[in-house]
C-alpha cells in the first residue's frame, strides 16, 4: 500500500469484488424467484462462459491499448451492469432475457478487469513489493468470496 497508484487500484478492486459477491447471490435468486426453475438458474452460467471467452480477447486488447482505459471502461461497464440489475429488481422486472444479458455483461466486464489487473500491477509496484501487492490483491478477492458465502 506504499504506492499510491496501487492503493487506488486495490480499493477499486475491493469495491468491485464486494459488488461481484452480491451478484453471485442476487442473480440466481432473482432468476429462481421469477421462474421457479433451477434449469434457468443453471443457464445463468452464461456469464461464466462469457468470462472465459472474453478473457482471451480482452487480454490481447489490453496489451495494445492503454490499460488504464481498459480498466476504467471495464469498471464502468460493471457499475452499469450492477445498477441495471438493481433497477430491474427494484422496478419488479420479470424479464429473464434481460437478467441473462446483464449476467453476460457482468462476465465480460469482470474478464476485462481480471486480465488487465494481472498486467497492470507489475507496472505500478516496484519488483521488491510485487509479492506483497499480489498477495494483498488475492486476499481481498478471497475475503469477498467468503463474505458473500456468509451472506447466503
N, C-alpha and C. Protein backbone atom coordinates (compact mmCIF):
# COMPACT_ATOMS: atom_id res chain seq x y z
N UNK A 1 0.82 -1.19 0.00
CA UNK A 1 0.00 0.00 0.00
C UNK A 1 0.87 1.26 0.00
N UNK A 2 2.17 1.08 -0.10
CA UNK A 2 3.08 2.22 -0.10
C UNK A 2 3.03 3.00 -1.41
N UNK A 3 2.51 2.39 -2.46
CA UNK A 3 2.44 3.04 -3.77
C UNK A 3 1.03 3.59 -3.96
N UNK A 4 0.85 4.91 -4.04
CA UNK A 4 -0.49 5.50 -4.14
C UNK A 4 -1.33 4.97 -5.30
N UNK A 5 -0.72 4.78 -6.45
CA UNK A 5 -1.47 4.28 -7.61
C UNK A 5 -1.99 2.86 -7.34
N UNK A 6 -1.16 2.04 -6.70
CA UNK A 6 -1.60 0.68 -6.37
C UNK A 6 -2.70 0.73 -5.32
N UNK A 7 -2.57 1.62 -4.36
CA UNK A 7 -3.58 1.74 -3.30
C UNK A 7 -4.95 2.05 -3.91
N UNK A 8 -4.98 3.01 -4.85
CA UNK A 8 -6.25 3.35 -5.50
C UNK A 8 -6.81 2.16 -6.29
N UNK A 9 -5.94 1.46 -6.98
CA UNK A 9 -6.35 0.29 -7.75
C UNK A 9 -6.88 -0.80 -6.84
N UNK A 10 -6.22 -1.01 -5.70
CA UNK A 10 -6.63 -2.04 -4.76
C UNK A 10 -8.00 -1.71 -4.17
N UNK A 11 -8.22 -0.45 -3.80
CA UNK A 11 -9.52 -0.05 -3.23
C UNK A 11 -10.62 -0.27 -4.28
N UNK A 12 -10.38 0.14 -5.51
CA UNK A 12 -11.37 -0.07 -6.56
C UNK A 12 -11.63 -1.55 -6.77
N UNK A 13 -10.59 -2.36 -6.71
CA UNK A 13 -10.73 -3.80 -6.87
C UNK A 13 -11.54 -4.41 -5.73
N UNK A 14 -11.30 -3.93 -4.52
CA UNK A 14 -12.04 -4.44 -3.37
C UNK A 14 -13.52 -4.10 -3.46
N UNK A 15 -13.84 -2.89 -3.88
CA UNK A 15 -15.24 -2.49 -4.05
C UNK A 15 -15.88 -3.34 -5.14
N UNK A 16 -15.17 -3.55 -6.22
CA UNK A 16 -15.65 -4.38 -7.33
C UNK A 16 -15.91 -5.81 -6.86
N UNK A 17 -15.02 -6.32 -6.03
CA UNK A 17 -15.16 -7.69 -5.53
C UNK A 17 -16.39 -7.84 -4.64
N UNK A 18 -16.68 -6.83 -3.83
CA UNK A 18 -17.87 -6.88 -2.98
C UNK A 18 -19.12 -6.87 -3.84
N UNK A 19 -19.17 -6.00 -4.84
CA UNK A 19 -20.33 -5.98 -5.74
C UNK A 19 -20.51 -7.29 -6.46
N UNK A 20 -19.41 -7.87 -6.92
CA UNK A 20 -19.47 -9.16 -7.59
C UNK A 20 -19.95 -10.26 -6.67
N UNK A 21 -19.57 -10.18 -5.41
CA UNK A 21 -20.00 -11.18 -4.44
C UNK A 21 -21.51 -11.14 -4.23
N UNK A 22 -22.06 -9.94 -4.18
CA UNK A 22 -23.51 -9.84 -4.03
C UNK A 22 -24.24 -10.34 -5.27
N UNK A 23 -23.69 -10.08 -6.43
CA UNK A 23 -24.37 -10.53 -7.65
C UNK A 23 -24.36 -12.05 -7.78
N UNK A 24 -23.35 -12.70 -7.19
CA UNK A 24 -23.30 -14.16 -7.22
C UNK A 24 -24.52 -14.74 -6.51
N UNK A 25 -25.03 -14.03 -5.52
CA UNK A 25 -26.22 -14.46 -4.79
C UNK A 25 -27.49 -13.90 -5.44
N UNK A 26 -27.44 -12.62 -5.81
CA UNK A 26 -28.64 -11.93 -6.27
C UNK A 26 -29.17 -12.44 -7.61
N UNK A 27 -28.30 -12.68 -8.57
CA UNK A 27 -28.76 -13.08 -9.91
C UNK A 27 -29.47 -14.45 -9.86
N UNK A 28 -28.87 -15.49 -9.29
CA UNK A 28 -29.59 -16.76 -9.22
C UNK A 28 -30.89 -16.67 -8.40
N UNK A 29 -30.86 -15.89 -7.33
CA UNK A 29 -32.07 -15.73 -6.52
C UNK A 29 -33.17 -15.06 -7.32
N UNK A 30 -32.82 -14.02 -8.05
CA UNK A 30 -33.81 -13.32 -8.86
C UNK A 30 -34.37 -14.24 -9.95
N UNK A 31 -33.48 -14.98 -10.60
CA UNK A 31 -33.95 -15.89 -11.65
C UNK A 31 -34.88 -16.97 -11.09
N UNK A 32 -34.52 -17.52 -9.94
CA UNK A 32 -35.37 -18.57 -9.36
C UNK A 32 -36.70 -17.99 -8.88
N UNK A 33 -36.66 -16.79 -8.34
CA UNK A 33 -37.89 -16.15 -7.87
C UNK A 33 -38.84 -15.89 -9.04
N UNK A 34 -38.30 -15.47 -10.15
CA UNK A 34 -39.13 -15.14 -11.31
C UNK A 34 -39.66 -16.40 -11.99
N UNK A 35 -38.81 -17.42 -12.14
CA UNK A 35 -39.21 -18.59 -12.94
C UNK A 35 -39.58 -19.81 -12.12
N UNK A 36 -38.99 -19.97 -10.94
CA UNK A 36 -39.20 -21.18 -10.15
C UNK A 36 -38.47 -22.38 -10.74
N UNK A 37 -37.56 -22.14 -11.67
CA UNK A 37 -36.87 -23.21 -12.37
C UNK A 37 -35.38 -23.21 -12.05
N UNK A 38 -34.91 -24.35 -11.58
CA UNK A 38 -33.48 -24.50 -11.33
C UNK A 38 -32.69 -24.54 -12.64
N UNK A 39 -33.32 -24.99 -13.71
CA UNK A 39 -32.66 -25.05 -15.02
C UNK A 39 -32.31 -23.65 -15.51
N UNK A 40 -33.20 -22.71 -15.28
CA UNK A 40 -32.94 -21.33 -15.70
C UNK A 40 -31.79 -20.75 -14.87
N UNK A 41 -31.76 -21.09 -13.59
CA UNK A 41 -30.66 -20.64 -12.74
C UNK A 41 -29.34 -21.20 -13.26
N UNK A 42 -29.35 -22.46 -13.67
CA UNK A 42 -28.15 -23.06 -14.24
C UNK A 42 -27.73 -22.40 -15.54
N UNK A 43 -28.71 -21.93 -16.29
CA UNK A 43 -28.41 -21.26 -17.55
C UNK A 43 -27.71 -19.92 -17.33
N UNK A 44 -27.79 -19.41 -16.12
CA UNK A 44 -27.11 -18.15 -15.81
C UNK A 44 -25.60 -18.32 -15.87
N UNK A 45 -25.15 -19.54 -16.01
CA UNK A 45 -23.72 -19.79 -16.17
C UNK A 45 -23.21 -19.18 -17.47
N UNK A 46 -24.10 -18.59 -18.25
CA UNK A 46 -23.69 -17.89 -19.46
C UNK A 46 -22.69 -16.79 -19.12
N UNK A 47 -22.80 -16.24 -17.91
CA UNK A 47 -21.85 -15.20 -17.52
C UNK A 47 -20.45 -15.78 -17.37
N UNK A 48 -20.36 -17.03 -16.91
CA UNK A 48 -19.05 -17.67 -16.79
C UNK A 48 -18.49 -17.96 -18.18
N UNK A 49 -19.34 -18.42 -19.08
CA UNK A 49 -18.89 -18.69 -20.45
C UNK A 49 -18.41 -17.40 -21.11
N UNK A 50 -19.13 -16.31 -20.88
CA UNK A 50 -18.71 -15.02 -21.44
C UNK A 50 -17.36 -14.61 -20.86
N UNK A 51 -17.16 -14.87 -19.59
CA UNK A 51 -15.90 -14.52 -18.94
C UNK A 51 -14.75 -15.28 -19.56
N UNK A 52 -14.91 -16.57 -19.77
CA UNK A 52 -13.83 -17.41 -20.31
C UNK A 52 -13.47 -16.98 -21.74
N UNK A 53 -14.49 -16.80 -22.56
CA UNK A 53 -14.25 -16.42 -23.96
C UNK A 53 -13.64 -15.02 -24.04
N UNK A 54 -14.19 -14.11 -23.26
CA UNK A 54 -13.73 -12.72 -23.32
C UNK A 54 -12.32 -12.55 -22.78
N UNK A 55 -11.94 -13.36 -21.81
CA UNK A 55 -10.63 -13.20 -21.20
C UNK A 55 -9.51 -13.33 -22.24
N UNK A 56 -9.67 -14.21 -23.17
CA UNK A 56 -8.65 -14.38 -24.21
C UNK A 56 -8.51 -13.14 -25.08
N UNK A 57 -9.62 -12.61 -25.52
CA UNK A 57 -9.59 -11.46 -26.42
C UNK A 57 -9.26 -10.17 -25.70
N UNK A 58 -9.79 -10.02 -24.51
CA UNK A 58 -9.54 -8.78 -23.78
C UNK A 58 -8.08 -8.70 -23.33
N UNK A 59 -7.49 -9.82 -23.00
CA UNK A 59 -6.08 -9.83 -22.64
C UNK A 59 -5.21 -9.32 -23.78
N UNK A 60 -5.53 -9.75 -24.99
CA UNK A 60 -4.79 -9.27 -26.15
C UNK A 60 -5.07 -7.78 -26.41
N UNK A 61 -6.31 -7.38 -26.21
CA UNK A 61 -6.67 -5.98 -26.40
C UNK A 61 -5.94 -5.09 -25.38
N UNK A 62 -5.86 -5.56 -24.15
CA UNK A 62 -5.18 -4.77 -23.10
C UNK A 62 -3.69 -4.62 -23.38
N UNK A 63 -3.13 -5.53 -24.15
CA UNK A 63 -1.70 -5.43 -24.49
C UNK A 63 -1.42 -4.33 -25.51
N UNK A 64 -2.41 -3.99 -26.32
CA UNK A 64 -2.19 -2.97 -27.35
C UNK A 64 -2.84 -1.63 -27.01
N UNK A 65 -3.64 -1.58 -25.96
CA UNK A 65 -4.31 -0.35 -25.56
C UNK A 65 -3.75 0.14 -24.23
N UNK A 66 -4.13 1.34 -23.87
CA UNK A 66 -3.80 1.88 -22.57
C UNK A 66 -4.58 1.09 -21.52
N UNK A 67 -3.87 0.41 -20.65
CA UNK A 67 -4.52 -0.47 -19.66
C UNK A 67 -5.40 0.30 -18.69
N UNK A 68 -5.04 1.53 -18.41
CA UNK A 68 -5.88 2.34 -17.52
C UNK A 68 -7.25 2.55 -18.14
N UNK A 69 -7.27 2.79 -19.43
CA UNK A 69 -8.57 2.99 -20.11
C UNK A 69 -9.37 1.71 -20.16
N UNK A 70 -8.69 0.60 -20.36
CA UNK A 70 -9.39 -0.70 -20.37
C UNK A 70 -10.01 -0.95 -19.00
N UNK A 71 -9.24 -0.71 -17.93
CA UNK A 71 -9.76 -0.89 -16.57
C UNK A 71 -10.90 0.07 -16.29
N UNK A 72 -10.77 1.30 -16.70
CA UNK A 72 -11.83 2.29 -16.47
C UNK A 72 -13.10 1.89 -17.21
N UNK A 73 -12.97 1.49 -18.46
CA UNK A 73 -14.13 1.07 -19.23
C UNK A 73 -14.77 -0.18 -18.63
N UNK A 74 -13.96 -1.13 -18.20
CA UNK A 74 -14.49 -2.36 -17.62
C UNK A 74 -15.20 -2.09 -16.29
N UNK A 75 -14.62 -1.24 -15.46
CA UNK A 75 -15.26 -0.90 -14.19
C UNK A 75 -16.54 -0.11 -14.41
N UNK A 76 -16.56 0.76 -15.40
CA UNK A 76 -17.80 1.47 -15.74
C UNK A 76 -18.86 0.49 -16.25
N UNK A 77 -18.43 -0.46 -17.06
CA UNK A 77 -19.36 -1.50 -17.52
C UNK A 77 -19.92 -2.31 -16.38
N UNK A 78 -19.08 -2.65 -15.43
CA UNK A 78 -19.52 -3.41 -14.27
C UNK A 78 -20.48 -2.58 -13.42
N UNK A 79 -20.18 -1.30 -13.22
CA UNK A 79 -21.07 -0.43 -12.45
C UNK A 79 -22.43 -0.31 -13.14
N UNK A 80 -22.42 -0.14 -14.46
CA UNK A 80 -23.67 -0.08 -15.21
C UNK A 80 -24.46 -1.38 -15.05
N UNK A 81 -23.77 -2.50 -15.14
CA UNK A 81 -24.44 -3.79 -15.02
C UNK A 81 -25.08 -3.95 -13.65
N UNK A 82 -24.34 -3.61 -12.59
CA UNK A 82 -24.89 -3.72 -11.24
C UNK A 82 -26.07 -2.78 -11.05
N UNK A 83 -25.97 -1.56 -11.58
CA UNK A 83 -27.07 -0.60 -11.47
C UNK A 83 -28.29 -1.10 -12.23
N UNK A 84 -28.08 -1.68 -13.40
CA UNK A 84 -29.20 -2.20 -14.20
C UNK A 84 -29.84 -3.41 -13.51
N UNK A 85 -29.03 -4.29 -12.93
CA UNK A 85 -29.60 -5.42 -12.18
C UNK A 85 -30.41 -4.94 -10.99
N UNK A 86 -29.88 -3.94 -10.29
CA UNK A 86 -30.58 -3.39 -9.14
C UNK A 86 -31.90 -2.74 -9.57
N UNK A 87 -31.85 -1.92 -10.63
CA UNK A 87 -33.05 -1.23 -11.12
C UNK A 87 -34.10 -2.23 -11.59
N UNK A 88 -33.64 -3.27 -12.27
CA UNK A 88 -34.58 -4.27 -12.77
C UNK A 88 -35.29 -4.96 -11.61
N UNK A 89 -34.55 -5.28 -10.56
CA UNK A 89 -35.15 -5.92 -9.39
C UNK A 89 -36.06 -4.95 -8.64
N UNK A 90 -35.62 -3.71 -8.50
CA UNK A 90 -36.38 -2.70 -7.77
C UNK A 90 -37.70 -2.39 -8.45
N UNK A 91 -37.68 -2.32 -9.76
CA UNK A 91 -38.88 -1.99 -10.53
C UNK A 91 -39.79 -3.19 -10.78
N UNK A 92 -39.41 -4.33 -10.21
CA UNK A 92 -40.23 -5.53 -10.37
C UNK A 92 -40.12 -6.18 -11.73
N UNK A 93 -39.02 -5.93 -12.41
CA UNK A 93 -38.82 -6.54 -13.72
C UNK A 93 -38.79 -8.05 -13.63
N UNK A 94 -39.45 -8.69 -14.54
CA UNK A 94 -39.53 -10.15 -14.53
C UNK A 94 -38.99 -10.74 -15.83
N UNK A 95 -38.11 -10.00 -16.48
CA UNK A 95 -37.58 -10.43 -17.76
C UNK A 95 -36.32 -11.28 -17.58
N UNK A 96 -36.46 -12.56 -17.84
CA UNK A 96 -35.32 -13.47 -17.74
C UNK A 96 -34.25 -13.12 -18.78
N UNK A 97 -34.62 -12.82 -20.04
CA UNK A 97 -33.57 -12.46 -21.01
C UNK A 97 -32.76 -11.24 -20.59
N UNK A 98 -33.40 -10.26 -19.98
CA UNK A 98 -32.67 -9.06 -19.54
C UNK A 98 -31.65 -9.45 -18.47
N UNK A 99 -32.06 -10.27 -17.51
CA UNK A 99 -31.14 -10.69 -16.45
C UNK A 99 -29.99 -11.50 -17.05
N UNK A 100 -30.28 -12.36 -18.01
CA UNK A 100 -29.24 -13.17 -18.64
C UNK A 100 -28.24 -12.30 -19.40
N UNK A 101 -28.74 -11.31 -20.12
CA UNK A 101 -27.85 -10.40 -20.86
C UNK A 101 -26.99 -9.61 -19.88
N UNK A 102 -27.60 -9.15 -18.80
CA UNK A 102 -26.83 -8.42 -17.79
C UNK A 102 -25.79 -9.32 -17.12
N UNK A 103 -26.13 -10.58 -16.90
CA UNK A 103 -25.15 -11.52 -16.33
C UNK A 103 -23.98 -11.72 -17.29
N UNK A 104 -24.28 -11.79 -18.58
CA UNK A 104 -23.20 -11.93 -19.57
C UNK A 104 -22.35 -10.66 -19.62
N UNK A 105 -22.98 -9.49 -19.51
CA UNK A 105 -22.22 -8.22 -19.47
C UNK A 105 -21.33 -8.17 -18.24
N UNK A 106 -21.83 -8.69 -17.14
CA UNK A 106 -21.03 -8.75 -15.93
C UNK A 106 -19.81 -9.63 -16.16
N UNK A 107 -20.01 -10.78 -16.80
CA UNK A 107 -18.90 -11.68 -17.09
C UNK A 107 -17.86 -11.03 -17.99
N UNK A 108 -18.31 -10.30 -19.00
CA UNK A 108 -17.39 -9.61 -19.91
C UNK A 108 -16.58 -8.54 -19.17
N UNK A 109 -17.27 -7.75 -18.38
CA UNK A 109 -16.58 -6.69 -17.63
C UNK A 109 -15.59 -7.27 -16.63
N UNK A 110 -16.01 -8.30 -15.94
CA UNK A 110 -15.14 -8.92 -14.94
C UNK A 110 -13.92 -9.54 -15.61
N UNK A 111 -14.11 -10.14 -16.78
CA UNK A 111 -12.97 -10.71 -17.51
C UNK A 111 -11.97 -9.63 -17.89
N UNK A 112 -12.47 -8.49 -18.31
CA UNK A 112 -11.58 -7.39 -18.67
C UNK A 112 -10.79 -6.91 -17.46
N UNK A 113 -11.45 -6.84 -16.33
CA UNK A 113 -10.77 -6.38 -15.11
C UNK A 113 -9.70 -7.38 -14.68
N UNK A 114 -10.06 -8.65 -14.65
CA UNK A 114 -9.12 -9.66 -14.16
C UNK A 114 -7.89 -9.79 -15.06
N UNK A 115 -8.09 -9.81 -16.36
CA UNK A 115 -6.94 -9.98 -17.25
C UNK A 115 -6.06 -8.74 -17.27
N UNK A 116 -6.66 -7.59 -17.18
CA UNK A 116 -5.89 -6.35 -17.22
C UNK A 116 -5.16 -6.11 -15.90
N UNK A 117 -5.79 -6.45 -14.80
CA UNK A 117 -5.14 -6.26 -13.48
C UNK A 117 -3.84 -7.05 -13.40
N UNK A 118 -3.84 -8.24 -13.96
CA UNK A 118 -2.62 -9.05 -13.92
C UNK A 118 -1.46 -8.39 -14.63
N UNK A 119 -1.75 -7.55 -15.61
CA UNK A 119 -0.70 -6.86 -16.35
C UNK A 119 -0.37 -5.49 -15.76
N UNK A 120 -1.30 -4.90 -15.03
CA UNK A 120 -1.11 -3.56 -14.51
C UNK A 120 -0.26 -3.55 -13.23
N UNK A 121 -0.54 -4.48 -12.34
CA UNK A 121 0.13 -4.47 -11.03
C UNK A 121 1.66 -4.48 -11.15
N UNK A 122 2.26 -5.33 -11.98
CA UNK A 122 3.73 -5.29 -12.08
C UNK A 122 4.29 -3.97 -12.59
N UNK A 123 3.49 -3.20 -13.29
CA UNK A 123 3.96 -1.90 -13.78
C UNK A 123 3.80 -0.79 -12.75
N UNK A 124 2.95 -1.01 -11.76
CA UNK A 124 2.72 0.01 -10.73
C UNK A 124 3.64 -0.13 -9.53
N UNK A 125 4.00 -1.36 -9.23
CA UNK A 125 4.68 -1.66 -7.97
C UNK A 125 6.13 -2.04 -8.25
N UNK A 126 7.06 -1.54 -7.43
CA UNK A 126 8.46 -1.97 -7.59
C UNK A 126 8.60 -3.48 -7.41
N UNK A 127 9.58 -4.07 -8.04
CA UNK A 127 9.77 -5.52 -8.04
C UNK A 127 9.81 -6.09 -6.62
N UNK A 128 10.46 -5.39 -5.70
CA UNK A 128 10.58 -5.94 -4.34
C UNK A 128 9.24 -5.95 -3.59
N UNK A 129 8.26 -5.14 -4.03
CA UNK A 129 6.95 -5.12 -3.39
C UNK A 129 5.91 -5.95 -4.14
N UNK A 130 6.27 -6.51 -5.26
CA UNK A 130 5.32 -7.25 -6.09
C UNK A 130 4.70 -8.46 -5.38
N UNK A 131 5.46 -9.30 -4.69
CA UNK A 131 4.81 -10.42 -3.99
C UNK A 131 3.77 -9.95 -2.96
N UNK A 132 4.08 -8.90 -2.24
CA UNK A 132 3.14 -8.37 -1.25
C UNK A 132 1.90 -7.80 -1.93
N UNK A 133 2.09 -7.09 -3.03
CA UNK A 133 0.96 -6.49 -3.75
C UNK A 133 0.05 -7.57 -4.32
N UNK A 134 0.62 -8.61 -4.91
CA UNK A 134 -0.18 -9.70 -5.44
C UNK A 134 -0.92 -10.45 -4.33
N UNK A 135 -0.26 -10.65 -3.20
CA UNK A 135 -0.89 -11.32 -2.06
C UNK A 135 -2.05 -10.51 -1.52
N UNK A 136 -1.87 -9.22 -1.40
CA UNK A 136 -2.94 -8.34 -0.90
C UNK A 136 -4.13 -8.36 -1.84
N UNK A 137 -3.85 -8.32 -3.14
CA UNK A 137 -4.94 -8.34 -4.12
C UNK A 137 -5.71 -9.66 -4.04
N UNK A 138 -5.00 -10.78 -3.97
CA UNK A 138 -5.65 -12.08 -3.87
C UNK A 138 -6.42 -12.22 -2.55
N UNK A 139 -5.86 -11.66 -1.50
CA UNK A 139 -6.52 -11.73 -0.19
C UNK A 139 -7.87 -11.00 -0.23
N UNK A 140 -7.92 -9.85 -0.89
CA UNK A 140 -9.19 -9.12 -0.97
C UNK A 140 -10.20 -9.91 -1.79
N UNK A 141 -9.76 -10.58 -2.83
CA UNK A 141 -10.66 -11.42 -3.63
C UNK A 141 -11.20 -12.59 -2.78
N UNK A 142 -10.31 -13.24 -2.06
CA UNK A 142 -10.69 -14.38 -1.23
C UNK A 142 -11.67 -13.93 -0.14
N UNK A 143 -11.39 -12.81 0.51
CA UNK A 143 -12.25 -12.31 1.58
C UNK A 143 -13.64 -11.97 1.05
N UNK A 144 -13.72 -11.36 -0.12
CA UNK A 144 -15.03 -11.02 -0.67
C UNK A 144 -15.84 -12.27 -0.98
N UNK A 145 -15.18 -13.31 -1.46
CA UNK A 145 -15.90 -14.57 -1.74
C UNK A 145 -16.42 -15.19 -0.45
N UNK A 146 -15.60 -15.17 0.59
CA UNK A 146 -16.03 -15.74 1.87
C UNK A 146 -17.18 -14.94 2.46
N UNK A 147 -17.10 -13.62 2.29
CA UNK A 147 -18.15 -12.75 2.82
C UNK A 147 -19.47 -13.01 2.10
N UNK A 148 -19.42 -13.18 0.78
CA UNK A 148 -20.66 -13.45 0.04
C UNK A 148 -21.24 -14.80 0.42
N UNK A 149 -20.37 -15.77 0.70
CA UNK A 149 -20.86 -17.08 1.14
C UNK A 149 -21.56 -16.98 2.48
N UNK A 150 -21.04 -16.14 3.35
CA UNK A 150 -21.65 -15.96 4.67
C UNK A 150 -22.99 -15.25 4.58
N UNK A 151 -23.18 -14.42 3.54
CA UNK A 151 -24.43 -13.68 3.38
C UNK A 151 -25.56 -14.50 2.77
N UNK A 152 -25.25 -15.69 2.32
CA UNK A 152 -26.28 -16.51 1.66
C UNK A 152 -27.27 -17.00 2.63
